[in-house]
Amino acid sequence: MVMKYTLAPVMFVALIALSGCAQFRNVYPQLNETQASLVADCQRLGVIAETANADHLSAYMARRSMENRVRERAMQLGATHIVWLHRTDTSATAQAFRCEAD
């Protein structure tokens, strides 16, 4: 009988842990993060800037969300690469590039 009641909290914690892992997957696999010298021959699409949203429960999640918004905007521009110009816990800026496949 005791085993029945101790299994539920363990399962709940495991479920929460597994759902948190989804935050670490790369949701933009076609977008490469690189250095400026490696995209010198590529088309510049623009500079993208975002700030962190204070609605998140943690500074880590606010930063991840902010960086993903930069990546999403780069994808909307048709970027294949981004170069981070500035990243802190509260703001991020990146240059978006479109590079032709070799």
PDB file of N, CA and C in Angstrom:
ATOM      1  N   MET A   1       0.821  -1.191   0.000  1.00  0.00           N
ATOM      2  CA  MET A   1       0.000   0.000   0.000  1.00  0.00           C
ATOM      3  C   MET A   1       0.869   1.260   0.000  1.00  0.00           C
ATOM      4  N   VAL A   2       1.966   1.248   0.745  1.00  0.00           N
ATOM      5  CA  VAL A   2       2.854   2.408   0.812  1.00  0.00           C
ATOM      6  C   VAL A   2       3.487   2.662  -0.547  1.00  0.00           C
ATOM      7  N   MET A   3       3.837   1.625  -1.269  1.00  0.00           N
ATOM      8  CA  MET A   3       4.458   1.760  -2.574  1.00  0.00           C
ATOM      9  C   MET A   3       3.549   2.507  -3.548  1.00  0.00           C
ATOM     10  N   LYS A   4       2.270   2.284  -3.464  1.00  0.00           N
ATOM     11  CA  LYS A   4       1.303   2.913  -4.354  1.00  0.00           C
ATOM     12  C   LYS A   4       1.334   4.442  -4.216  1.00  0.00           C
ATOM     13  N   TYR A   5       1.464   4.941  -3.014  1.00  0.00           N
ATOM     14  CA  TYR A   5       1.433   6.380  -2.777  1.00  0.00           C
ATOM     15  C   TYR A   5       2.781   7.048  -3.005  1.00  0.00           C
ATOM     16  N   THR A   6       3.862   6.304  -2.947  1.00  0.00           N
ATOM     17  CA  THR A   6       5.176   6.900  -3.193  1.00  0.00           C
ATOM     18  C   THR A   6       5.519   6.920  -4.671  1.00  0.00           C
ATOM     19  N   LEU A   7       4.863   6.122  -5.462  1.00  0.00           N
ATOM     20  CA  LEU A   7       5.145   6.075  -6.890  1.00  0.00           C
ATOM     21  C   LEU A   7       4.594   7.306  -7.615  1.00  0.00           C
ATOM     22  N   ALA A   8       3.472   7.817  -7.198  1.00  0.00           N
ATOM     23  CA  ALA A   8       2.865   8.971  -7.864  1.00  0.00           C
ATOM     24  C   ALA A   8       3.770  10.202  -7.819  1.00  0.00           C
ATOM     25  N   PRO A   9       4.332  10.598  -6.690  1.00  0.00           N
ATOM     26  CA  PRO A   9       5.230  11.755  -6.685  1.00  0.00           C
ATOM     27  C   PRO A   9       6.483  11.538  -7.534  1.00  0.00           C
ATOM     28  N   VAL A  10       6.994  10.323  -7.534  1.00  0.00           N
ATOM     29  CA  VAL A  10       8.175  10.010  -8.347  1.00  0.00           C
ATOM     30  C   VAL A  10       7.845  10.157  -9.827  1.00  0.00           C
ATOM     31  N   MET A  11       6.704   9.660 -10.240  1.00  0.00           N
ATOM     32  CA  MET A  11       6.284   9.777 -11.634  1.00  0.00           C
ATOM     33  C   MET A  11       6.060  11.246 -12.011  1.00  0.00           C
ATOM     34  N   PHE A  12       5.492  12.014 -11.094  1.00  0.00           N
ATOM     35  CA  PHE A  12       5.247  13.430 -11.347  1.00  0.00           C
ATOM     36  C   PHE A  12       6.565  14.173 -11.552  1.00  0.00           C
ATOM     37  N   VAL A  13       7.535  13.932 -10.692  1.00  0.00           N
ATOM     38  CA  VAL A  13       8.844  14.573 -10.811  1.00  0.00           C
ATOM     39  C   VAL A  13       9.530  14.158 -12.109  1.00  0.00           C
ATOM     40  N   ALA A  14       9.435  12.902 -12.476  1.00  0.00           N
ATOM     41  CA  ALA A  14      10.033  12.421 -13.721  1.00  0.00           C
ATOM     42  C   ALA A  14       9.387  13.095 -14.928  1.00  0.00           C
ATOM     43  N   LEU A  15       8.085  13.250 -14.905  1.00  0.00           N
ATOM     44  CA  LEU A  15       7.381  13.911 -16.004  1.00  0.00           C
ATOM     45  C   LEU A  15       7.814  15.365 -16.143  1.00  0.00           C
ATOM     46  N   ILE A  16       7.924  16.063 -15.032  1.00  0.00           N
ATOM     47  CA  ILE A  16       8.378  17.456 -15.054  1.00  0.00           C
ATOM     48  C   ILE A  16       9.802  17.543 -15.599  1.00  0.00           C
ATOM     49  N   ALA A  17      10.663  16.654 -15.171  1.00  0.00           N
ATOM     50  CA  ALA A  17      12.056  16.661 -15.631  1.00  0.00           C
ATOM     51  C   ALA A  17      12.140  16.410 -17.128  1.00  0.00           C
ATOM     52  N   LEU A  18      11.364  15.468 -17.620  1.00  0.00           N
ATOM     53  CA  LEU A  18      11.391  15.166 -19.049  1.00  0.00           C
ATOM     54  C   LEU A  18      10.820  16.297 -19.886  1.00  0.00           C
ATOM     55  N   SER A  19       9.798  16.969 -19.405  1.00  0.00           N
ATOM     56  CA  SER A  19       9.225  18.071 -20.174  1.00  0.00           C
ATOM     57  C   SER A  19      10.190  19.249 -20.201  1.00  0.00           C
ATOM     58  N   GLY A  20      10.987  19.416 -19.171  1.00  0.00           N
ATOM     59  CA  GLY A  20      11.985  20.482 -19.151  1.00  0.00           C
ATOM     60  C   GLY A  20      13.084  20.256 -20.163  1.00  0.00           C
ATOM     61  N   CYS A  21      13.379  19.019 -20.493  1.00  0.00           N
ATOM     62  CA  CYS A  21      14.416  18.716 -21.478  1.00  0.00           C
ATOM     63  C   CYS A  21      14.062  19.232 -22.863  1.00  0.00           C
ATOM     64  N   ALA A  22      12.803  19.414 -23.131  1.00  0.00           N
ATOM     65  CA  ALA A  22      12.388  19.933 -24.438  1.00  0.00           C
ATOM     66  C   ALA A  22      12.921  21.342 -24.659  1.00  0.00           C
ATOM     67  N   GLN A  23      13.213  22.057 -23.603  1.00  0.00           N
ATOM     68  CA  GLN A  23      13.749  23.407 -23.729  1.00  0.00           C
ATOM     69  C   GLN A  23      15.163  23.411 -24.299  1.00  0.00           C
ATOM     70  N   PHE A  24      15.868  22.289 -24.243  1.00  0.00           N
ATOM     71  CA  PHE A  24      17.254  22.229 -24.664  1.00  0.00           C
ATOM     72  C   PHE A  24      17.425  21.779 -26.113  1.00  0.00           C
ATOM     73  N   ARG A  25      16.379  21.362 -26.739  1.00  0.00           N
ATOM     74  CA  ARG A  25      16.523  20.890 -28.121  1.00  0.00           C
ATOM     75  C   ARG A  25      16.689  22.075 -29.058  1.00  0.00           C
ATOM     76  N   ASN A  26      17.338  21.843 -30.171  1.00  0.00           N
ATOM     77  CA  ASN A  26      17.567  22.886 -31.161  1.00  0.00           C
ATOM     78  C   ASN A  26      16.336  22.985 -32.054  1.00  0.00           C
ATOM     79  N   VAL A  27      15.569  24.052 -31.897  1.00  0.00           N
ATOM     80  CA  VAL A  27      14.343  24.204 -32.674  1.00  0.00           C
ATOM     81  C   VAL A  27      14.605  24.888 -34.012  1.00  0.00           C
ATOM     82  N   TYR A  28      15.848  25.287 -34.251  1.00  0.00           N
ATOM     83  CA  TYR A  28      16.223  25.928 -35.520  1.00  0.00           C
ATOM     84  C   TYR A  28      17.458  25.237 -36.090  1.00  0.00           C
ATOM     85  N   PRO A  29      17.338  23.957 -36.464  1.00  0.00           N
ATOM     86  CA  PRO A  29      18.523  23.225 -36.922  1.00  0.00           C
ATOM     87  C   PRO A  29      19.097  23.753 -38.242  1.00  0.00           C
ATOM     88  N   GLN A  30      18.297  24.447 -39.039  1.00  0.00           N
ATOM     89  CA  GLN A  30      18.777  24.956 -40.320  1.00  0.00           C
ATOM     90  C   GLN A  30      19.470  26.310 -40.181  1.00  0.00           C
ATOM     91  N   LEU A  31      19.513  26.868 -38.969  1.00  0.00           N
ATOM     92  CA  LEU A  31      20.154  28.151 -38.708  1.00  0.00           C
ATOM     93  C   LEU A  31      21.467  27.900 -37.980  1.00  0.00           C
ATOM     94  N   ASN A  32      22.567  28.348 -38.598  1.00  0.00           N
ATOM     95  CA  ASN A  32      23.887  28.124 -38.031  1.00  0.00           C
ATOM     96  C   ASN A  32      24.375  29.369 -37.298  1.00  0.00           C
ATOM     97  N   GLU A  33      24.909  29.177 -36.113  1.00  0.00           N
ATOM     98  CA  GLU A  33      25.532  30.259 -35.375  1.00  0.00           C
ATOM     99  C   GLU A  33      27.024  30.197 -35.656  1.00  0.00           C
ATOM    100  N   THR A  34      27.599  31.303 -36.102  1.00  0.00           N
ATOM    101  CA  THR A  34      28.970  31.281 -36.570  1.00  0.00           C
ATOM    102  C   THR A  34      29.701  32.567 -36.223  1.00  0.00           C
ATOM    103  N   GLN A  35      30.904  32.714 -36.749  1.00  0.00           N
ATOM    104  CA  GLN A  35      31.723  33.906 -36.548  1.00  0.00           C
ATOM    105  C   GLN A  35      31.653  34.782 -37.789  1.00  0.00           C
ATOM    106  N   ALA A  36      31.851  36.072 -37.603  1.00  0.00           N
ATOM    107  CA  ALA A  36      31.734  37.034 -38.707  1.00  0.00           C
ATOM    108  C   ALA A  36      32.696  36.724 -39.855  1.00  0.00           C
ATOM    109  N   SER A  37      33.887  36.292 -39.554  1.00  0.00           N
ATOM    110  CA  SER A  37      34.869  36.028 -40.608  1.00  0.00           C
ATOM    111  C   SER A  37      34.444  34.888 -41.530  1.00  0.00           C
ATOM    112  N   LEU A  38      33.578  34.008 -41.054  1.00  0.00           N
ATOM    113  CA  LEU A  38      33.148  32.858 -41.855  1.00  0.00           C
ATOM    114  C   LEU A  38      31.963  33.174 -42.769  1.00  0.00           C
ATOM    115  N   VAL A  39      31.342  34.340 -42.603  1.00  0.00           N
ATOM    116  CA  VAL A  39      30.199  34.718 -43.442  1.00  0.00           C
ATOM    117  C   VAL A  39      30.477  36.011 -44.214  1.00  0.00           C
ATOM    118  N   ALA A  40      31.749  36.309 -44.407  1.00  0.00           N
ATOM    119  CA  ALA A  40      32.134  37.554 -45.086  1.00  0.00           C
ATOM    120  C   ALA A  40      31.599  37.630 -46.515  1.00  0.00           C
ATOM    121  N   ASP A  41      31.461  36.497 -47.187  1.00  0.00           N
ATOM    122  CA  ASP A  41      30.984  36.477 -48.575  1.00  0.00           C
ATOM    123  C   ASP A  41      29.483  36.262 -48.695  1.00  0.00           C
ATOM    124  N   CYS A  42      28.776  36.272 -47.587  1.00  0.00           N
ATOM    125  CA  CYS A  42      27.338  36.023 -47.588  1.00  0.00           C
ATOM    126  C   CYS A  42      26.550  37.330 -47.634  1.00  0.00           C
ATOM    127  N   GLN A  43      25.284  37.208 -47.992  1.00  0.00           N
ATOM    128  CA  GLN A  43      24.397  38.369 -48.053  1.00  0.00           C
ATOM    129  C   GLN A  43      23.943  38.750 -46.647  1.00  0.00           C
ATOM    130  N   ARG A  44      24.139  40.021 -46.286  1.00  0.00           N
ATOM    131  CA  ARG A  44      23.669  40.506 -44.993  1.00  0.00           C
ATOM    132  C   ARG A  44      22.184  40.819 -45.083  1.00  0.00           C
ATOM    133  N   LEU A  45      21.439  40.320 -44.118  1.00  0.00           N
ATOM    134  CA  LEU A  45      19.990  40.520 -44.121  1.00  0.00           C
ATOM    135  C   LEU A  45      19.539  41.563 -43.107  1.00  0.00           C
ATOM    136  N   GLY A  46      20.330  41.823 -42.102  1.00  0.00           N
ATOM    137  CA  GLY A  46      19.954  42.821 -41.116  1.00  0.00           C
ATOM    138  C   GLY A  46      20.394  42.456 -39.720  1.00  0.00           C
ATOM    139  N   VAL A  47      20.237  43.429 -38.834  1.00  0.00           N
ATOM    140  CA  VAL A  47      20.558  43.251 -37.423  1.00  0.00           C
ATOM    141  C   VAL A  47      19.253  43.031 -36.667  1.00  0.00           C
ATOM    142  N   ILE A  48      19.258  42.067 -35.780  1.00  0.00           N
ATOM    143  CA  ILE A  48      18.067  41.715 -35.001  1.00  0.00           C
ATOM    144  C   ILE A  48      18.389  41.922 -33.527  1.00  0.00           C
ATOM    145  N   ALA A  49      17.534  42.638 -32.832  1.00  0.00           N
ATOM    146  CA  ALA A  49      17.732  42.884 -31.401  1.00  0.00           C
ATOM    147  C   ALA A  49      16.465  42.520 -30.639  1.00  0.00           C
ATOM    148  N   GLU A  50      16.634  41.956 -29.472  1.00  0.00           N
ATOM    149  CA  GLU A  50      15.526  41.592 -28.589  1.00  0.00           C
ATOM    150  C   GLU A  50      15.925  41.864 -27.146  1.00  0.00           C
ATOM    151  N   THR A  51      14.929  42.018 -26.306  1.00  0.00           N
ATOM    152  CA  THR A  51      15.157  42.144 -24.872  1.00  0.00           C
ATOM    153  C   THR A  51      14.423  41.020 -24.155  1.00  0.00           C
ATOM    154  N   ALA A  52      14.880  40.716 -22.953  1.00  0.00           N
ATOM    155  CA  ALA A  52      14.288  39.637 -22.169  1.00  0.00           C
ATOM    156  C   ALA A  52      12.913  40.044 -21.657  1.00  0.00           C
ATOM    157  N   ASN A  53      12.043  39.073 -21.563  1.00  0.00           N
ATOM    158  CA  ASN A  53      10.692  39.271 -21.068  1.00  0.00           C
ATOM    159  C   ASN A  53      10.659  38.930 -19.580  1.00  0.00           C
ATOM    160  N   ALA A  54      10.257  39.869 -18.755  1.00  0.00           N
ATOM    161  CA  ALA A  54      10.250  39.668 -17.301  1.00  0.00           C
ATOM    162  C   ALA A  54       9.157  38.716 -16.835  1.00  0.00           C
ATOM    163  N   ASP A  55       8.302  38.245 -17.727  1.00  0.00           N
ATOM    164  CA  ASP A  55       7.209  37.346 -17.346  1.00  0.00           C
ATOM    165  C   ASP A  55       7.680  35.927 -17.035  1.00  0.00           C
ATOM    166  N   HIS A  56       8.907  35.584 -17.392  1.00  0.00           N
ATOM    167  CA  HIS A  56       9.403  34.224 -17.150  1.00  0.00           C
ATOM    168  C   HIS A  56       9.740  34.024 -15.679  1.00  0.00           C
ATOM    169  N   LEU A  57       9.667  32.785 -15.244  1.00  0.00           N
ATOM    170  CA  LEU A  57       9.925  32.457 -13.847  1.00  0.00           C
ATOM    171  C   LEU A  57      11.403  32.532 -13.481  1.00  0.00           C
ATOM    172  N   SER A  58      12.275  32.375 -14.455  1.00  0.00           N
ATOM    173  CA  SER A  58      13.708  32.406 -14.156  1.00  0.00           C
ATOM    174  C   SER A  58      14.438  33.247 -15.197  1.00  0.00           C
ATOM    175  N   ALA A  59      15.586  33.768 -14.794  1.00  0.00           N
ATOM    176  CA  ALA A  59      16.422  34.544 -15.717  1.00  0.00           C
ATOM    177  C   ALA A  59      16.904  33.666 -16.863  1.00  0.00           C
ATOM    178  N   TYR A  60      17.176  32.395 -16.559  1.00  0.00           N
ATOM    179  CA  TYR A  60      17.621  31.463 -17.595  1.00  0.00           C
ATOM    180  C   TYR A  60      16.565  31.305 -18.693  1.00  0.00           C
ATOM    181  N   MET A  61      15.328  31.080 -18.278  1.00  0.00           N
ATOM    182  CA  MET A  61      14.258  30.894 -19.264  1.00  0.00           C
ATOM    183  C   MET A  61      13.989  32.190 -20.037  1.00  0.00           C
ATOM    184  N   ALA A  62      14.103  33.339 -19.382  1.00  0.00           N
ATOM    185  CA  ALA A  62      13.920  34.615 -20.072  1.00  0.00           C
ATOM    186  C   ALA A  62      14.990  34.785 -21.137  1.00  0.00           C
ATOM    187  N   ARG A  63      16.229  34.415 -20.821  1.00  0.00           N
ATOM    188  CA  ARG A  63      17.309  34.538 -21.802  1.00  0.00           C
ATOM    189  C   ARG A  63      17.116  33.566 -22.958  1.00  0.00           C
ATOM    190  N   ARG A  64      16.771  32.329 -22.659  1.00  0.00           N
ATOM    191  CA  ARG A  64      16.536  31.346 -23.730  1.00  0.00           C
ATOM    192  C   ARG A  64      15.428  31.803 -24.664  1.00  0.00           C
ATOM    193  N   SER A  65      14.355  32.309 -24.108  1.00  0.00           N
ATOM    194  CA  SER A  65      13.236  32.793 -24.897  1.00  0.00           C
ATOM    195  C   SER A  65      13.658  33.968 -25.775  1.00  0.00           C
ATOM    196  N   MET A  66      14.423  34.887 -25.213  1.00  0.00           N
ATOM    197  CA  MET A  66      14.907  36.049 -25.958  1.00  0.00           C
ATOM    198  C   MET A  66      15.799  35.608 -27.123  1.00  0.00           C
ATOM    199  N   GLU A  67      16.720  34.696 -26.871  1.00  0.00           N
ATOM    200  CA  GLU A  67      17.605  34.209 -27.928  1.00  0.00           C
ATOM    201  C   GLU A  67      16.818  33.479 -29.006  1.00  0.00           C
ATOM    202  N   ASN A  68      15.799  32.718 -28.615  1.00  0.00           N
ATOM    203  CA  ASN A  68      14.971  32.032 -29.601  1.00  0.00           C
ATOM    204  C   ASN A  68      14.154  33.013 -30.438  1.00  0.00           C
ATOM    205  N   ARG A  69      13.742  34.132 -29.862  1.00  0.00           N
ATOM    206  CA  ARG A  69      13.038  35.154 -30.647  1.00  0.00           C
ATOM    207  C   ARG A  69      13.969  35.760 -31.687  1.00  0.00           C
ATOM    208  N   VAL A  70      15.242  35.946 -31.348  1.00  0.00           N
ATOM    209  CA  VAL A  70      16.224  36.420 -32.332  1.00  0.00           C
ATOM    210  C   VAL A  70      16.356  35.396 -33.453  1.00  0.00           C
ATOM    211  N   ARG A  71      16.481  34.127 -33.094  1.00  0.00           N
ATOM    212  CA  ARG A  71      16.605  33.072 -34.106  1.00  0.00           C
ATOM    213  C   ARG A  71      15.361  33.012 -34.993  1.00  0.00           C
ATOM    214  N   GLU A  72      14.184  33.127 -34.394  1.00  0.00           N
ATOM    215  CA  GLU A  72      12.932  33.081 -35.154  1.00  0.00           C
ATOM    216  C   GLU A  72      12.858  34.234 -36.156  1.00  0.00           C
ATOM    217  N   ARG A  73      13.218  35.421 -35.722  1.00  0.00           N
ATOM    218  CA  ARG A  73      13.197  36.576 -36.623  1.00  0.00           C
ATOM    219  C   ARG A  73      14.216  36.406 -37.750  1.00  0.00           C
ATOM    220  N   ALA A  74      15.368  35.818 -37.442  1.00  0.00           N
ATOM    221  CA  ALA A  74      16.370  35.552 -38.480  1.00  0.00           C
ATOM    222  C   ALA A  74      15.812  34.573 -39.515  1.00  0.00           C
ATOM    223  N   MET A  75      15.129  33.549 -39.044  1.00  0.00           N
ATOM    224  CA  MET A  75      14.522  32.582 -39.969  1.00  0.00           C
ATOM    225  C   MET A  75      13.468  33.254 -40.843  1.00  0.00           C
ATOM    226  N   GLN A  76      12.698  34.162 -40.283  1.00  0.00           N
ATOM    227  CA  GLN A  76      11.684  34.879 -41.060  1.00  0.00           C
ATOM    228  C   GLN A  76      12.316  35.733 -42.151  1.00  0.00           C
ATOM    229  N   LEU A  77      13.539  36.196 -41.931  1.00  0.00           N
ATOM    230  CA  LEU A  77      14.262  36.967 -42.947  1.00  0.00           C
ATOM    231  C   LEU A  77      14.883  36.070 -44.020  1.00  0.00           C
ATOM    232  N   GLY A  78      14.875  34.766 -43.773  1.00  0.00           N
ATOM    233  CA  GLY A  78      15.486  33.825 -44.713  1.00  0.00           C
ATOM    234  C   GLY A  78      16.949  33.565 -44.423  1.00  0.00           C
ATOM    235  N   ALA A  79      17.381  33.807 -43.201  1.00  0.00           N
ATOM    236  CA  ALA A  79      18.784  33.632 -42.831  1.00  0.00           C
ATOM    237  C   ALA A  79      19.176  32.165 -42.758  1.00  0.00           C
ATOM    238  N   THR A  80      20.423  31.908 -43.104  1.00  0.00           N
ATOM    239  CA  THR A  80      21.017  30.589 -42.916  1.00  0.00           C
ATOM    240  C   THR A  80      22.028  30.608 -41.784  1.00  0.00           C
ATOM    241  N   HIS A  81      22.502  31.813 -41.447  1.00  0.00           N
ATOM    242  CA  HIS A  81      23.525  31.971 -40.412  1.00  0.00           C
ATOM    243  C   HIS A  81      23.233  33.224 -39.581  1.00  0.00           C
ATOM    244  N   ILE A  82      23.638  33.187 -38.320  1.00  0.00           N
ATOM    245  CA  ILE A  82      23.634  34.401 -37.503  1.00  0.00           C
ATOM    246  C   ILE A  82      24.973  34.512 -36.782  1.00  0.00           C
ATOM    247  N   VAL A  83      25.345  35.759 -36.552  1.00  0.00           N
ATOM    248  CA  VAL A  83      26.536  36.073 -35.765  1.00  0.00           C
ATOM    249  C   VAL A  83      26.061  36.882 -34.573  1.00  0.00           C
ATOM    250  N   TRP A  84      26.285  36.371 -33.375  1.00  0.00           N
ATOM    251  CA  TRP A  84      25.884  37.098 -32.178  1.00  0.00           C
ATOM    252  C   TRP A  84      26.810  38.289 -31.996  1.00  0.00           C
ATOM    253  N   LEU A  85      26.220  39.476 -31.898  1.00  0.00           N
ATOM    254  CA  LEU A  85      26.987  40.695 -31.667  1.00  0.00           C
ATOM    255  C   LEU A  85      27.022  41.046 -30.187  1.00  0.00           C
ATOM    256  N   HIS A  86      25.962  40.661 -29.487  1.00  0.00           N
ATOM    257  CA  HIS A  86      25.812  41.051 -28.087  1.00  0.00           C
ATOM    258  C   HIS A  86      24.813  40.100 -27.434  1.00  0.00           C
ATOM    259  N   ARG A  87      25.172  39.555 -26.276  1.00  0.00           N
ATOM    260  CA  ARG A  87      24.244  38.709 -25.510  1.00  0.00           C
ATOM    261  C   ARG A  87      24.491  38.898 -24.028  1.00  0.00           C
ATOM    262  N   THR A  88      23.457  39.314 -23.328  1.00  0.00           N
ATOM    263  CA  THR A  88      23.486  39.371 -21.870  1.00  0.00           C
ATOM    264  C   THR A  88      22.207  38.712 -21.367  1.00  0.00           C
ATOM    265  N   ASP A  89      21.969  38.766 -20.081  1.00  0.00           N
ATOM    266  CA  ASP A  89      20.739  38.196 -19.535  1.00  0.00           C
ATOM    267  C   ASP A  89      19.512  39.017 -19.904  1.00  0.00           C
ATOM    268  N   THR A  90      19.707  40.278 -20.307  1.00  0.00           N
ATOM    269  CA  THR A  90      18.558  41.147 -20.568  1.00  0.00           C
ATOM    270  C   THR A  90      18.415  41.595 -22.018  1.00  0.00           C
ATOM    271  N   SER A  91      19.436  41.409 -22.855  1.00  0.00           N
ATOM    272  CA  SER A  91      19.324  41.826 -24.263  1.00  0.00           C
ATOM    273  C   SER A  91      20.247  40.990 -25.145  1.00  0.00           C
ATOM    274  N   ALA A  92      19.878  40.920 -26.413  1.00  0.00           N
ATOM    275  CA  ALA A  92      20.669  40.162 -27.388  1.00  0.00           C
ATOM    276  C   ALA A  92      20.543  40.819 -28.753  1.00  0.00           C
ATOM    277  N   THR A  93      21.650  40.812 -29.497  1.00  0.00           N
ATOM    278  CA  THR A  93      21.681  41.366 -30.850  1.00  0.00           C
ATOM    279  C   THR A  93      22.475  40.413 -31.731  1.00  0.00           C
ATOM    280  N   ALA A  94      21.965  40.171 -32.926  1.00  0.00           N
ATOM    281  CA  ALA A  94      22.657  39.297 -33.869  1.00  0.00           C
ATOM    282  C   ALA A  94      22.535  39.854 -35.279  1.00  0.00           C
ATOM    283  N   GLN A  95      23.528  39.574 -36.106  1.00  0.00           N
ATOM    284  CA  GLN A  95      23.511  39.911 -37.529  1.00  0.00           C
ATOM    285  C   GLN A  95      23.065  38.663 -38.271  1.00  0.00           C
ATOM    286  N   ALA A  96      22.078  38.817 -39.151  1.00  0.00           N
ATOM    287  CA  ALA A  96      21.567  37.680 -39.929  1.00  0.00           C
ATOM    288  C   ALA A  96      22.178  37.672 -41.316  1.00  0.00           C
ATOM    289  N   PHE A  97      22.517  36.486 -41.824  1.00  0.00           N
ATOM    290  CA  PHE A  97      23.135  36.321 -43.143  1.00  0.00           C
ATOM    291  C   PHE A  97      22.442  35.203 -43.907  1.00  0.00           C
ATOM    292  N   ARG A  98      22.444  35.322 -45.217  1.00  0.00           N
ATOM    293  CA  ARG A  98      22.012  34.227 -46.091  1.00  0.00           C
ATOM    294  C   ARG A  98      23.230  33.822 -46.914  1.00  0.00           C
ATOM    295  N   CYS A  99      23.641  32.579 -46.774  1.00  0.00           N
ATOM    296  CA  CYS A  99      24.807  32.065 -47.488  1.00  0.00           C
ATOM    297  C   CYS A  99      24.336  31.015 -48.494  1.00  0.00           C
ATOM    298  N   GLU A 100      24.911  31.067 -49.666  1.00  0.00           N
ATOM    299  CA  GLU A 100      24.605  30.076 -50.703  1.00  0.00           C
ATOM    300  C   GLU A 100      25.308  28.770 -50.362  1.00  0.00           C
ATOM    301  N   ALA A 101      24.653  27.669 -50.637  1.00  0.00           N
ATOM    302  CA  ALA A 101      25.261  26.349 -50.379  1.00  0.00           C
ATOM    303  C   ALA A 101      26.393  26.125 -51.381  1.00  0.00           C
ATOM    304  N   ASP A 102      27.460  25.499 -50.886  1.00  0.00           N
ATOM    305  CA  ASP A 102      28.612  25.218 -51.774  1.00  0.00           C
ATOM    306  C   ASP A 102      28.343  24.055 -52.676  1.00  0.00           C
TER     307      ASP A 102
END
